C-alpha atoms as a PDB file:
ATOM      1  CA  MET A   1     -65.097  21.104  16.027  1.00  0.00           C
ATOM      2  CA  THR A   2     -61.616  22.023  16.982  1.00  0.00           C
ATOM      3  CA  LEU A   3     -59.324  19.329  18.636  1.00  0.00           C
ATOM      4  CA  SER A   4     -56.910  20.930  21.096  1.00  0.00           C
ATOM      5  CA  LEU A   5     -54.019  18.755  22.687  1.00  0.00           C
ATOM      6  CA  THR A   6     -52.081  19.747  25.612  1.00  0.00           C
ATOM      7  CA  VAL A   7     -48.852  18.097  26.396  1.00  0.00           C
ATOM      8  CA  ALA A   8     -47.914  18.377  30.149  1.00  0.00           C
ATOM      9  CA  ALA A   9     -43.820  19.268  30.309  1.00  0.00           C
ATOM     10  CA  GLN A  10     -42.263  16.944  32.531  1.00  0.00           C
ATOM     11  CA  GLU A  11     -39.749  18.605  34.946  1.00  0.00           C
ATOM     12  CA  VAL A  12     -36.290  17.176  34.709  1.00  0.00           C
ATOM     13  CA  PRO A  13     -33.960  18.395  37.542  1.00  0.00           C
ATOM     14  CA  VAL A  14     -31.291  20.544  35.865  1.00  0.00           C
ATOM     15  CA  ALA A  15     -28.545  18.198  37.618  1.00  0.00           C
ATOM     16  CA  ASP A  16     -29.911  15.272  36.167  1.00  0.00           C
ATOM     17  CA  ILE A  17     -29.396  16.812  32.367  1.00  0.00           C
ATOM     18  CA  PRO A  18     -26.205  15.152  30.920  1.00  0.00           C
ATOM     19  CA  THR A  19     -23.812  18.059  29.365  1.00  0.00           C
ATOM     20  CA  THR A  20     -20.552  15.967  28.559  1.00  0.00           C
ATOM     21  CA  VAL A  21     -19.446  12.052  27.930  1.00  0.00           C
ATOM     22  CA  ASP A  22     -16.533  11.224  30.040  1.00  0.00           C
ATOM     23  CA  SER A  23     -15.577   7.925  28.376  1.00  0.00           C
ATOM     24  CA  GLN A  24     -15.189   9.252  24.809  1.00  0.00           C
ATOM     25  CA  PRO A  25     -14.059  12.490  23.393  1.00  0.00           C
ATOM     26  CA  TYR A  26     -16.497  13.695  20.910  1.00  0.00           C
ATOM     27  CA  ALA A  27     -15.814  13.834  17.253  1.00  0.00           C
ATOM     28  CA  PRO A  28     -17.879  14.720  14.394  1.00  0.00           C
ATOM     29  CA  PRO A  29     -18.608  12.000  11.928  1.00  0.00           C
ATOM     30  CA  GLU A  30     -16.172  12.018   8.957  1.00  0.00           C
ATOM     31  CA  THR A  31     -18.172  11.978   5.495  1.00  0.00           C
ATOM     32  CA  VAL A  32     -14.861  13.017   3.504  1.00  0.00           C
ATOM     33  CA  GLN A  33     -11.221  11.986   3.486  1.00  0.00           C
ATOM     34  CA  ARG A  34      -9.604  13.747   6.353  1.00  0.00           C
ATOM     35  CA  VAL A  35      -6.651  16.348   5.883  1.00  0.00           C
ATOM     36  CA  VAL A  36      -3.938  15.480   8.226  1.00  0.00           C
ATOM     37  CA  THR A  37      -2.996  18.483  10.523  1.00  0.00           C
ATOM     38  CA  PRO A  38       0.965  19.665  11.093  1.00  0.00           C
ATOM     39  CA  VAL A  39       2.624  18.043  13.813  1.00  0.00           C
ATOM     40  CA  VAL A  40       4.783  19.966  16.516  1.00  0.00           C
ATOM     41  CA  PRO A  41       8.273  20.118  14.864  1.00  0.00           C
ATOM     42  CA  GLN A  42       9.940  19.175  18.252  1.00  0.00           C
ATOM     43  CA  GLU A  43       8.209  15.744  18.082  1.00  0.00           C
ATOM     44  CA  ASP A  44      10.679  13.029  17.880  1.00  0.00           C
ATOM     45  CA  LEU A  45       9.202  11.324  14.708  1.00  0.00           C
ATOM     46  CA  ILE A  46      10.009   9.475  11.387  1.00  0.00           C
ATOM     47  CA  ASP A  47      10.196  12.007   8.619  1.00  0.00           C
ATOM     48  CA  VAL A  48       8.574  10.441   5.462  1.00  0.00           C
ATOM     49  CA  LEU A  49       8.524  12.015   2.096  1.00  0.00           C
ATOM     50  CA  ILE A  50       5.839  10.790  -0.535  1.00  0.00           C
ATOM     51  CA  ILE A  51       7.206  11.211  -3.911  1.00  0.00           C
ATOM     52  CA  SER A  52       3.908  11.473  -6.563  1.00  0.00           C
ATOM     53  CA  GLY A  53       2.513  13.753  -9.047  1.00  0.00           C
ATOM     54  CA  GLU A  54       1.983  11.383 -11.876  1.00  0.00           C
ATOM     55  CA  ASN A  55       0.180   8.464 -12.158  1.00  0.00           C
ATOM     56  CA  THR A  56      -2.220   6.314 -14.551  1.00  0.00           C
ATOM     57  CA  TYR A  57      -5.835   7.384 -15.073  1.00  0.00           C
ATOM     58  CA  GLU A  58      -7.566   4.935 -13.181  1.00  0.00           C
ATOM     59  CA  HIS A  59      -5.492   5.703  -9.945  1.00  0.00           C
ATOM     60  CA  ASP A  60      -6.706   8.066  -7.703  1.00  0.00           C
ATOM     61  CA  TRP A  61      -3.323   9.067  -6.255  1.00  0.00           C
ATOM     62  CA  THR A  62      -4.004  12.381  -4.862  1.00  0.00           C
ATOM     63  CA  GLY A  63      -6.522  10.768  -2.562  1.00  0.00           C
ATOM     64  CA  VAL A  64      -4.405   8.077  -2.218  1.00  0.00           C
ATOM     65  CA  ASN A  65      -1.636  10.205  -0.859  1.00  0.00           C
ATOM     66  CA  ASN A  66      -3.882  12.060   1.513  1.00  0.00           C
ATOM     67  CA  ARG A  67      -5.074   8.337   3.161  1.00  0.00           C
ATOM     68  CA  LEU A  68      -1.499   7.337   3.250  1.00  0.00           C
ATOM     69  CA  ARG A  69      -0.494  10.649   5.172  1.00  0.00           C
ATOM     70  CA  THR A  70      -3.536  10.138   7.293  1.00  0.00           C
ATOM     71  CA  HIS A  71      -2.954   6.293   8.067  1.00  0.00           C
ATOM     72  CA  LEU A  72       0.537   6.910   8.759  1.00  0.00           C
ATOM     73  CA  LYS A  73       0.244  10.399  11.152  1.00  0.00           C
ATOM     74  CA  ASP A  74      -2.635   8.152  13.146  1.00  0.00           C
ATOM     75  CA  THR A  75       0.166   5.915  14.485  1.00  0.00           C
ATOM     76  CA  GLY A  76       1.764   8.358  16.108  1.00  0.00           C
ATOM     77  CA  ARG A  77       5.025   7.574  14.609  1.00  0.00           C
ATOM     78  CA  PHE A  78       5.410   9.576  11.329  1.00  0.00           C
ATOM     79  CA  ASP A  79       5.749  12.888   9.965  1.00  0.00           C
ATOM     80  CA  VAL A  80       4.633  12.873   6.469  1.00  0.00           C
ATOM     81  CA  ARG A  81       5.204  15.357   3.497  1.00  0.00           C
ATOM     82  CA  VAL A  82       4.264  14.999  -0.206  1.00  0.00           C
ATOM     83  CA  VAL A  83       6.266  16.402  -3.019  1.00  0.00           C
ATOM     84  CA  GLU A  84       4.409  16.472  -6.802  1.00  0.00           C
ATOM     85  CA  ASP A  85       7.671  17.730  -8.719  1.00  0.00           C
ATOM     86  CA  PHE A  86      10.404  15.599  -8.039  1.00  0.00           C
ATOM     87  CA  GLU A  87      11.807  16.031 -11.743  1.00  0.00           C
ATOM     88  CA  PHE A  88      14.723  17.811 -10.230  1.00  0.00           C
ATOM     89  CA  GLY A  89      15.414  16.331  -6.864  1.00  0.00           C
ATOM     90  CA  THR A  90      18.327  16.130  -4.812  1.00  0.00           C
ATOM     91  CA  LEU A  91      20.135  14.223  -2.467  1.00  0.00           C
ATOM     92  CA  GLU A  92      20.538  17.004  -0.094  1.00  0.00           C
ATOM     93  CA  MET A  93      16.482  17.358  -0.188  1.00  0.00           C
ATOM     94  CA  LEU A  94      16.067  13.418   0.395  1.00  0.00           C
ATOM     95  CA  ARG A  95      18.609  13.438   3.558  1.00  0.00           C
ATOM     96  CA  LYS A  96      15.949  15.650   5.211  1.00  0.00           C
ATOM     97  CA  TYR A  97      13.892  12.376   5.472  1.00  0.00           C
ATOM     98  CA  ASP A  98      14.211   8.949   7.221  1.00  0.00           C
ATOM     99  CA  VAL A  99      12.405   7.198   4.766  1.00  0.00           C
ATOM    100  CA  VAL A 100      10.956   8.041   0.961  1.00  0.00           C
ATOM    101  CA  PHE A 101       7.628   6.387  -0.123  1.00  0.00           C
ATOM    102  CA  LEU A 102       7.368   6.341  -3.936  1.00  0.00           C
ATOM    103  CA  ASN A 103       3.970   6.542  -5.279  1.00  0.00           C
ATOM    104  CA  TYR A 104       4.651   7.339  -9.032  1.00  0.00           C
ATOM    105  CA  ALA A 105       3.819   5.671 -12.346  1.00  0.00           C
ATOM    106  CA  SER A 106       5.447   8.224 -14.957  1.00  0.00           C
ATOM    107  CA  ARG A 107       2.674   8.305 -17.369  1.00  0.00           C
ATOM    108  CA  TRP A 108      -1.544   8.579 -17.968  1.00  0.00           C
ATOM    109  CA  ASN A 109      -1.521   5.289 -19.345  1.00  0.00           C
ATOM    110  CA  TYR A 110      -0.001   2.019 -19.324  1.00  0.00           C
ATOM    111  CA  GLY A 111       0.441   2.137 -23.148  1.00  0.00           C
ATOM    112  CA  ASP A 112       1.804   5.717 -23.220  1.00  0.00           C
ATOM    113  CA  GLU A 113       5.023   5.859 -25.141  1.00  0.00           C
ATOM    114  CA  GLU A 114       5.846   9.225 -23.595  1.00  0.00           C
ATOM    115  CA  GLN A 115       6.799   9.139 -19.805  1.00  0.00           C
ATOM    116  CA  THR A 116       7.356  11.901 -17.038  1.00  0.00           C
ATOM    117  CA  LEU A 117      10.501  10.782 -16.178  1.00  0.00           C
ATOM    118  CA  TRP A 118      13.214  12.388 -13.835  1.00  0.00           C
ATOM    119  CA  SER A 119      16.467  13.599 -14.582  1.00  0.00           C
ATOM    120  CA  PRO A 120      19.430  11.309 -14.578  1.00  0.00           C
ATOM    121  CA  GLU A 121      20.643  13.338 -11.594  1.00  0.00           C
ATOM    122  CA  THR A 122      17.391  12.957  -9.827  1.00  0.00           C
ATOM    123  CA  PHE A 123      17.621   9.080 -10.262  1.00  0.00           C
ATOM    124  CA  GLN A 124      21.030   9.135  -9.119  1.00  0.00           C
ATOM    125  CA  ALA A 125      20.111  11.289  -6.093  1.00  0.00           C
ATOM    126  CA  LEU A 126      17.204   8.373  -5.073  1.00  0.00           C
ATOM    127  CA  TYR A 127      19.792   5.859  -5.628  1.00  0.00           C
ATOM    128  CA  ASP A 128      22.592   7.239  -3.387  1.00  0.00           C
ATOM    129  CA  TYR A 129      20.065   8.103  -0.694  1.00  0.00           C
ATOM    130  CA  VAL A 130      18.887   4.344  -0.380  1.00  0.00           C
ATOM    131  CA  ASP A 131      22.448   3.093  -0.861  1.00  0.00           C
ATOM    132  CA  GLN A 132      23.918   5.286   1.882  1.00  0.00           C
ATOM    133  CA  GLY A 133      21.310   4.183   4.297  1.00  0.00           C
ATOM    134  CA  GLY A 134      17.736   5.861   3.818  1.00  0.00           C
ATOM    135  CA  GLY A 135      14.832   3.888   3.467  1.00  0.00           C
ATOM    136  CA  LEU A 136      12.107   3.351   0.681  1.00  0.00           C
ATOM    137  CA  VAL A 137       8.914   2.030   0.448  1.00  0.00           C
ATOM    138  CA  ALA A 138       8.064   1.129  -3.215  1.00  0.00           C
ATOM    139  CA  PHE A 139       4.133   1.102  -3.736  1.00  0.00           C
ATOM    140  CA  HIS A 140       1.401  -0.021  -6.173  1.00  0.00           C
ATOM    141  CA  SER A 141       1.937   1.848  -9.564  1.00  0.00           C
ATOM    142  CA  SER A 142       5.847   2.555  -8.799  1.00  0.00           C
ATOM    143  CA  PHE A 143       5.989  -1.173 -10.376  1.00  0.00           C
ATOM    144  CA  THR A 144       4.464  -0.802 -13.634  1.00  0.00           C
ATOM    145  CA  TRP A 145       7.306   1.331 -15.176  1.00  0.00           C
ATOM    146  CA  GLY A 146      11.079   1.157 -14.832  1.00  0.00           C
ATOM    147  CA  PHE A 147      11.419  -2.300 -16.458  1.00  0.00           C
ATOM    148  CA  ASP A 148      13.758  -0.769 -19.048  1.00  0.00           C
ATOM    149  CA  ILE A 149      15.678   1.109 -16.249  1.00  0.00           C
ATOM    150  CA  PRO A 150      17.993  -1.815 -14.577  1.00  0.00           C
ATOM    151  CA  GLU A 151      18.903   0.113 -11.525  1.00  0.00           C
ATOM    152  CA  TYR A 152      15.285   1.265 -11.127  1.00  0.00           C
ATOM    153  CA  GLN A 153      14.329  -2.125 -11.606  1.00  0.00           C
ATOM    154  CA  ARG A 154      17.168  -3.420  -8.837  1.00  0.00           C
ATOM    155  CA  LEU A 155      15.936  -0.694  -6.673  1.00  0.00           C
ATOM    156  CA  LEU A 156      12.433  -1.666  -6.449  1.00  0.00           C
ATOM    157  CA  GLY A 157      13.573  -5.332  -6.569  1.00  0.00           C
ATOM    158  CA  ALA A 158      11.369  -6.132  -9.500  1.00  0.00           C
ATOM    159  CA  THR A 159       8.790  -4.555 -11.726  1.00  0.00           C
ATOM    160  CA  MET A 160       5.905  -5.214 -14.266  1.00  0.00           C
ATOM    161  CA  VAL A 161       7.062  -6.018 -18.217  1.00  0.00           C
ATOM    162  CA  PRO A 162       4.733  -5.438 -20.730  1.00  0.00           C
ATOM    163  CA  GLY A 163       3.874  -8.636 -22.603  1.00  0.00           C
ATOM    164  CA  GLU A 164       4.790 -10.636 -19.725  1.00  0.00           C
ATOM    165  CA  SER A 165       3.321  -9.440 -16.475  1.00  0.00           C
ATOM    166  CA  ARG A 166      -0.329  -9.171 -16.003  1.00  0.00           C
ATOM    167  CA  ARG A 167      -3.034  -8.180 -13.515  1.00  0.00           C
ATOM    168  CA  SER A 168      -5.048 -11.036 -12.409  1.00  0.00           C
ATOM    169  CA  PRO A 169      -8.805 -10.332 -12.727  1.00  0.00           C
ATOM    170  CA  PRO A 170      -9.885 -10.584  -9.423  1.00  0.00           C
ATOM    171  CA  ASP A 171     -10.766  -7.031  -7.416  1.00  0.00           C
ATOM    172  CA  GLY A 172     -10.846  -9.243  -4.321  1.00  0.00           C
ATOM    173  CA  PHE A 173      -8.750 -11.884  -3.296  1.00  0.00           C
ATOM    174  CA  ARG A 174      -6.564 -13.389  -0.511  1.00  0.00           C
ATOM    175  CA  VAL A 175      -3.314 -12.205   0.322  1.00  0.00           C
ATOM    176  CA  ARG A 176      -0.845 -15.258   2.102  1.00  0.00           C
ATOM    177  CA  MET A 177       1.724 -14.376   4.763  1.00  0.00           C
ATOM    178  CA  THR A 178       4.934 -16.268   3.709  1.00  0.00           C
ATOM    179  CA  ASP A 179       7.380 -15.169   6.517  1.00  0.00           C
ATOM    180  CA  ALA A 180       5.989 -15.173   9.923  1.00  0.00           C
ATOM    181  CA  ASP A 181       9.454 -14.143  11.524  1.00  0.00           C
ATOM    182  CA  HIS A 182       9.868 -10.959   9.790  1.00  0.00           C
ATOM    183  CA  PRO A 183       9.289  -7.855  11.974  1.00  0.00           C
ATOM    184  CA  ILE A 184       6.790  -6.416   9.299  1.00  0.00           C
ATOM    185  CA  THR A 185       4.659  -9.715   9.522  1.00  0.00           C
ATOM    186  CA  ARG A 186       5.642 -10.798  13.034  1.00  0.00           C
ATOM    187  CA  GLY A 187       1.988 -11.107  14.465  1.00  0.00           C
ATOM    188  CA  LEU A 188       0.017 -11.218  11.636  1.00  0.00           C
ATOM    189  CA  ARG A 189      -2.537 -13.591  10.479  1.00  0.00           C
ATOM    190  CA  ARG A 190      -1.495 -16.164   8.076  1.00  0.00           C
ATOM    191  CA  TYR A 191      -4.079 -14.641   5.643  1.00  0.00           C
ATOM    192  CA  VAL A 192      -5.742 -11.264   4.962  1.00  0.00           C
ATOM    193  CA  TRP A 193      -7.987  -9.702   2.263  1.00  0.00           C
ATOM    194  CA  SER A 194      -7.640  -6.972  -0.312  1.00  0.00           C
ATOM    195  CA  PHE A 195     -10.575  -5.564  -2.242  1.00  0.00           C
ATOM    196  CA  MET A 196     -11.123  -3.157  -5.193  1.00  0.00           C
ATOM    197  CA  GLU A 197      -7.087  -4.218  -5.709  1.00  0.00           C
ATOM    198  CA  ASP A 198      -4.742  -5.335  -8.428  1.00  0.00           C
ATOM    199  CA  MET A 199      -2.832  -8.505  -8.209  1.00  0.00           C
ATOM    200  CA  TYR A 200       0.231  -7.994 -10.098  1.00  0.00           C
ATOM    201  CA  THR A 201       1.425 -11.400 -11.464  1.00  0.00           C
ATOM    202  CA  ASN A 202       4.480 -12.804 -12.897  1.00  0.00           C
ATOM    203  CA  MET A 203       6.687  -9.824 -12.210  1.00  0.00           C
ATOM    204  CA  GLU A 204      10.280  -9.545 -13.526  1.00  0.00           C
ATOM    205  CA  PHE A 205      12.609  -9.510 -10.663  1.00  0.00           C
ATOM    206  CA  ALA A 206      16.149  -8.023 -11.310  1.00  0.00           C
ATOM    207  CA  PRO A 207      18.649 -10.869 -11.203  1.00  0.00           C
ATOM    208  CA  ASP A 208      21.074  -9.443  -8.570  1.00  0.00           C
ATOM    209  CA  ALA A 209      18.366  -8.339  -6.198  1.00  0.00           C
ATOM    210  CA  ASP A 210      18.285 -10.473  -3.165  1.00  0.00           C
ATOM    211  CA  VAL A 211      14.618 -10.144  -2.042  1.00  0.00           C
ATOM    212  CA  THR A 212      12.757 -11.883   0.744  1.00  0.00           C
ATOM    213  CA  VAL A 213       9.257 -12.585  -0.054  1.00  0.00           C
ATOM    214  CA  LEU A 214       6.818 -11.585   2.943  1.00  0.00           C
ATOM    215  CA  ALA A 215       3.620 -12.351   1.208  1.00  0.00           C
ATOM    216  CA  THR A 216       1.931 -13.643  -2.062  1.00  0.00           C
ATOM    217  CA  GLY A 217      -0.856 -13.975  -4.136  1.00  0.00           C
ATOM    218  CA  PHE A 218      -2.327 -16.880  -6.104  1.00  0.00           C
ATOM    219  CA  ASP A 219      -3.087 -16.423  -9.918  1.00  0.00           C
ATOM    220  CA  ASP A 220      -5.724 -19.071 -10.637  1.00  0.00           C
ATOM    221  CA  SER A 221      -6.261 -19.757 -14.101  1.00  0.00           C
ATOM    222  CA  ALA A 222      -9.970 -20.401 -13.698  1.00  0.00           C
ATOM    223  CA  ASN A 223     -10.424 -16.411 -12.965  1.00  0.00           C
ATOM    224  CA  TYR A 224      -9.394 -15.612 -16.475  1.00  0.00           C
ATOM    225  CA  THR A 225     -12.679 -17.511 -17.905  1.00  0.00           C
ATOM    226  CA  PRO A 226     -14.998 -14.674 -19.319  1.00  0.00           C
ATOM    227  CA  GLU A 227     -17.855 -15.478 -16.555  1.00  0.00           C
ATOM    228  CA  MET A 228     -14.918 -14.720 -13.858  1.00  0.00           C
ATOM    229  CA  ALA A 229     -13.088 -11.885 -15.653  1.00  0.00           C
ATOM    230  CA  GLY A 230     -15.644  -9.743 -17.172  1.00  0.00           C
ATOM    231  CA  PRO A 231     -15.642  -7.631 -20.227  1.00  0.00           C
ATOM    232  CA  LYS A 232     -12.281  -5.694 -19.026  1.00  0.00           C
ATOM    233  CA  TYR A 233     -10.018  -9.099 -20.274  1.00  0.00           C
ATOM    234  CA  ASP A 234      -9.837  -9.967 -24.004  1.00  0.00           C
ATOM    235  CA  PHE A 235     -11.784 -13.223 -24.403  1.00  0.00           C
ATOM    236  CA  GLU A 236      -9.521 -14.514 -27.384  1.00  0.00           C
ATOM    237  CA  ALA A 237      -6.298 -13.160 -25.416  1.00  0.00           C
ATOM    238  CA  TYR A 238      -7.237 -15.146 -22.015  1.00  0.00           C
ATOM    239  CA  SER A 239      -8.545 -18.046 -24.223  1.00  0.00           C
ATOM    240  CA  ALA A 240      -8.034 -21.409 -22.101  1.00  0.00           C
ATOM    241  CA  ASP A 241      -5.173 -22.199 -24.431  1.00  0.00           C
ATOM    242  CA  ASN A 242      -3.356 -18.508 -24.135  1.00  0.00           C
ATOM    243  CA  VAL A 243      -3.881 -18.870 -20.244  1.00  0.00           C
ATOM    244  CA  ALA A 244      -2.077 -22.488 -20.029  1.00  0.00           C
ATOM    245  CA  ARG A 245       1.042 -21.041 -21.835  1.00  0.00           C
ATOM    246  CA  MET A 246       1.264 -18.090 -19.335  1.00  0.00           C
ATOM    247  CA  GLU A 247       3.876 -18.059 -16.882  1.00  0.00           C
ATOM    248  CA  GLY A 248       3.262 -17.553 -13.163  1.00  0.00           C
ATOM    249  CA  MET A 249      -0.409 -19.372 -13.635  1.00  0.00           C
ATOM    250  CA  ASP A 250      -1.825 -21.580 -11.086  1.00  0.00           C
ATOM    251  CA  ALA A 251       0.951 -20.510  -8.555  1.00  0.00           C
ATOM    252  CA  ALA A 252       1.811 -18.215  -5.890  1.00  0.00           C
ATOM    253  CA  ASN A 253       2.818 -14.764  -6.890  1.00  0.00           C
ATOM    254  CA  PRO A 254       5.221 -12.190  -4.826  1.00  0.00           C
ATOM    255  CA  LEU A 255       3.324  -9.279  -3.860  1.00  0.00           C
ATOM    256  CA  VAL A 256       5.399  -8.067  -0.780  1.00  0.00           C
ATOM    257  CA  TRP A 257       8.973  -8.252  -0.347  1.00  0.00           C
ATOM    258  CA  VAL A 258      12.019  -6.390   1.576  1.00  0.00           C
ATOM    259  CA  GLN A 259      15.478  -6.175   0.336  1.00  0.00           C
ATOM    260  CA  ASP A 260      18.554  -4.339   1.240  1.00  0.00           C
ATOM    261  CA  TYR A 261      20.091  -1.912  -1.297  1.00  0.00           C
ATOM    262  CA  GLY A 262      23.399  -0.967  -0.202  1.00  0.00           C
ATOM    263  CA  GLU A 263      23.009   0.227   3.513  1.00  0.00           C
ATOM    264  CA  GLY A 264      19.194   1.140   2.994  1.00  0.00           C
ATOM    265  CA  ARG A 265      16.118  -0.791   3.267  1.00  0.00           C
ATOM    266  CA  VAL A 266      13.338  -1.302   0.842  1.00  0.00           C
ATOM    267  CA  PHE A 267       9.900  -2.482   1.546  1.00  0.00           C
ATOM    268  CA  SER A 268       8.217  -3.033  -1.855  1.00  0.00           C
ATOM    269  CA  ILE A 269       4.442  -3.846  -1.901  1.00  0.00           C
ATOM    270  CA  THR A 270       2.457  -4.230  -4.734  1.00  0.00           C
ATOM    271  CA  LEU A 271      -1.136  -3.765  -2.795  1.00  0.00           C
ATOM    272  CA  GLY A 272      -3.009  -0.320  -2.674  1.00  0.00           C
ATOM    273  CA  HIS A 273      -4.486   0.532  -5.922  1.00  0.00           C
ATOM    274  CA  GLY A 274      -7.090   3.132  -4.224  1.00  0.00           C
ATOM    275  CA  PRO A 275      -7.856   4.747  -1.240  1.00  0.00           C
ATOM    276  CA  ASP A 276     -10.704   2.303  -0.480  1.00  0.00           C
ATOM    277  CA  THR A 277      -8.552  -0.427  -0.669  1.00  0.00           C
ATOM    278  CA  LEU A 278      -6.267   1.266   2.177  1.00  0.00           C
ATOM    279  CA  MET A 279      -8.854   1.185   4.512  1.00  0.00           C
ATOM    280  CA  PHE A 280      -8.703  -2.709   5.045  1.00  0.00           C
ATOM    281  CA  ASP A 281      -6.633  -3.674   8.038  1.00  0.00           C
ATOM    282  CA  GLY A 282      -4.197  -6.189   6.402  1.00  0.00           C
ATOM    283  CA  VAL A 283      -3.294  -3.600   3.685  1.00  0.00           C
ATOM    284  CA  ARG A 284      -3.113  -1.071   5.880  1.00  0.00           C
ATOM    285  CA  THR A 285      -1.214  -3.036   8.396  1.00  0.00           C
ATOM    286  CA  LEU A 286       1.466  -3.637   5.933  1.00  0.00           C
ATOM    287  CA  ILE A 287       1.820  -0.312   4.901  1.00  0.00           C
ATOM    288  CA  VAL A 288       2.553   1.413   8.123  1.00  0.00           C
ATOM    289  CA  ARG A 289       4.827  -1.312   9.752  1.00  0.00           C
ATOM    290  CA  GLY A 290       6.675  -1.467   6.438  1.00  0.00           C
ATOM    291  CA  THR A 291       7.418   1.960   6.319  1.00  0.00           C
ATOM    292  CA  GLU A 292       8.763   2.099   9.932  1.00  0.00           C
ATOM    293  CA  TRP A 293      10.919  -1.041   9.364  1.00  0.00           C
ATOM    294  CA  ALA A 294      12.183   0.717   6.137  1.00  0.00           C
ATOM    295  CA  ALA A 295      13.071   3.727   8.061  1.00  0.00           C
ATOM    296  CA  THR A 296      14.562   2.181  11.070  1.00  0.00           C
ATOM    297  CA  GLY A 297      14.909  -1.898  10.730  1.00  0.00           C
ATOM    298  CA  GLU A 298      12.438  -2.159  13.655  1.00  0.00           C
ATOM    299  CA  VAL A 299       8.509  -2.539  14.018  1.00  0.00           C
ATOM    300  CA  THR A 300       6.838  -1.316  17.023  1.00  0.00           C
ATOM    301  CA  ILE A 301       3.555  -0.333  15.394  1.00  0.00           C
ATOM    302  CA  PRO A 302       1.023  -3.318  16.616  1.00  0.00           C
ATOM    303  CA  PRO A 303      -1.219  -4.669  13.803  1.00  0.00           C
ATOM    304  CA  TYR A 304      -4.903  -3.526  13.112  1.00  0.00           C
ATOM    305  CA  ASP A 305      -7.669  -5.621  14.550  1.00  0.00           C
ATOM    306  CA  LYS A 306      -8.317  -7.903  11.441  1.00  0.00           C
ATOM    307  CA  ALA A 307      -4.753  -8.427  10.624  1.00  0.00           C
ATOM    308  CA  ALA A 308      -3.857  -9.420  14.056  1.00  0.00           C
ATOM    309  CA  ALA A 309      -3.128 -13.121  14.542  1.00  0.00           C
ATOM    310  CA  TYR A 310      -5.516 -15.449  16.283  1.00  0.00           C
ATOM    311  CA  ASP A 311      -5.377 -18.773  17.967  1.00  0.00           C
ATOM    312  CA  ILE A 312      -6.589 -21.825  16.236  1.00  0.00           C
ATOM    313  CA  PRO A 313      -7.100 -25.009  18.216  1.00  0.00           C
ATOM    314  CA  GLU A 314      -4.894 -27.802  16.373  1.00  0.00           C
ATOM    315  CA  GLU A 315      -7.834 -29.746  15.776  1.00  0.00           C
ATOM    316  CA  TYR A 316      -9.268 -27.243  13.200  1.00  0.00           C
ATOM    317  CA  ARG A 317      -5.787 -26.394  11.672  1.00  0.00           C
ATOM    318  CA  THR A 318      -5.606 -27.181   7.844  1.00  0.00           C
ATOM    319  CA  GLU A 319      -2.315 -25.681   7.256  1.00  0.00           C
ATOM    320  CA  ASP A 320       0.975 -26.283   9.094  1.00  0.00           C
END
């Protein structure tokens, strides 16, 4: 027996079939990182140069550069270029930009003795650029080297020092805003979260750097126990006795700060391990607002949703 099925077509008036959506412009789903498009040269934008080209193996620095460029351009305030060969950069080259964004680590592995360092003239060009009024953003892995270059450490405000500084074990932690009045942090909530991240602790600050700390992270000794830290951290090196002797432990450690360098402004942010952590509103807000401040001394970009301050009734507040 043959079963036949007939479906009657339902007539729909042509005028009732929607052809466009007026409320939202159509955009296809994004399954990969976007590649930003050029901007119109006549637009009055802040010119940013990302200096990159060498980084440690666990940093997806090319992906980070792309995401940084996208985030900055999406604000409508920036035009962003990337250079991966800065070994012979000059002051004339840097003067074309309002702010330089440093995403550079000089080597493939933290333990490598050999580094890819710039020429003395290029180091001096960077120092002169900021000293004469250029803006600088010092970003994440840029703090992992240069501890033995005093003027570089002075430029950033601080660096990691082998055998003294460390990365706290948690991949996710709270970042506490400690200065609610600075243009970068004004209007931000007291705490934001960062994930898949490094908390740099016990950094060495240059003795003549006059920094203003904007945000800190708490380095909790409990996080160094084997159950919490995981196999990446040597059990013996981080025994309870050794941890108890480490400086900066069970204390708030600076993660974000600003300082003047000559006539220039420097925004230092140790957060930003990979492309994923840059998607979180707190980190993204700090980066775009810090870049604008370093370039202009002002902040006009509003905080992203999960970084914006909100009202807490007085009876529910736990901190002043």
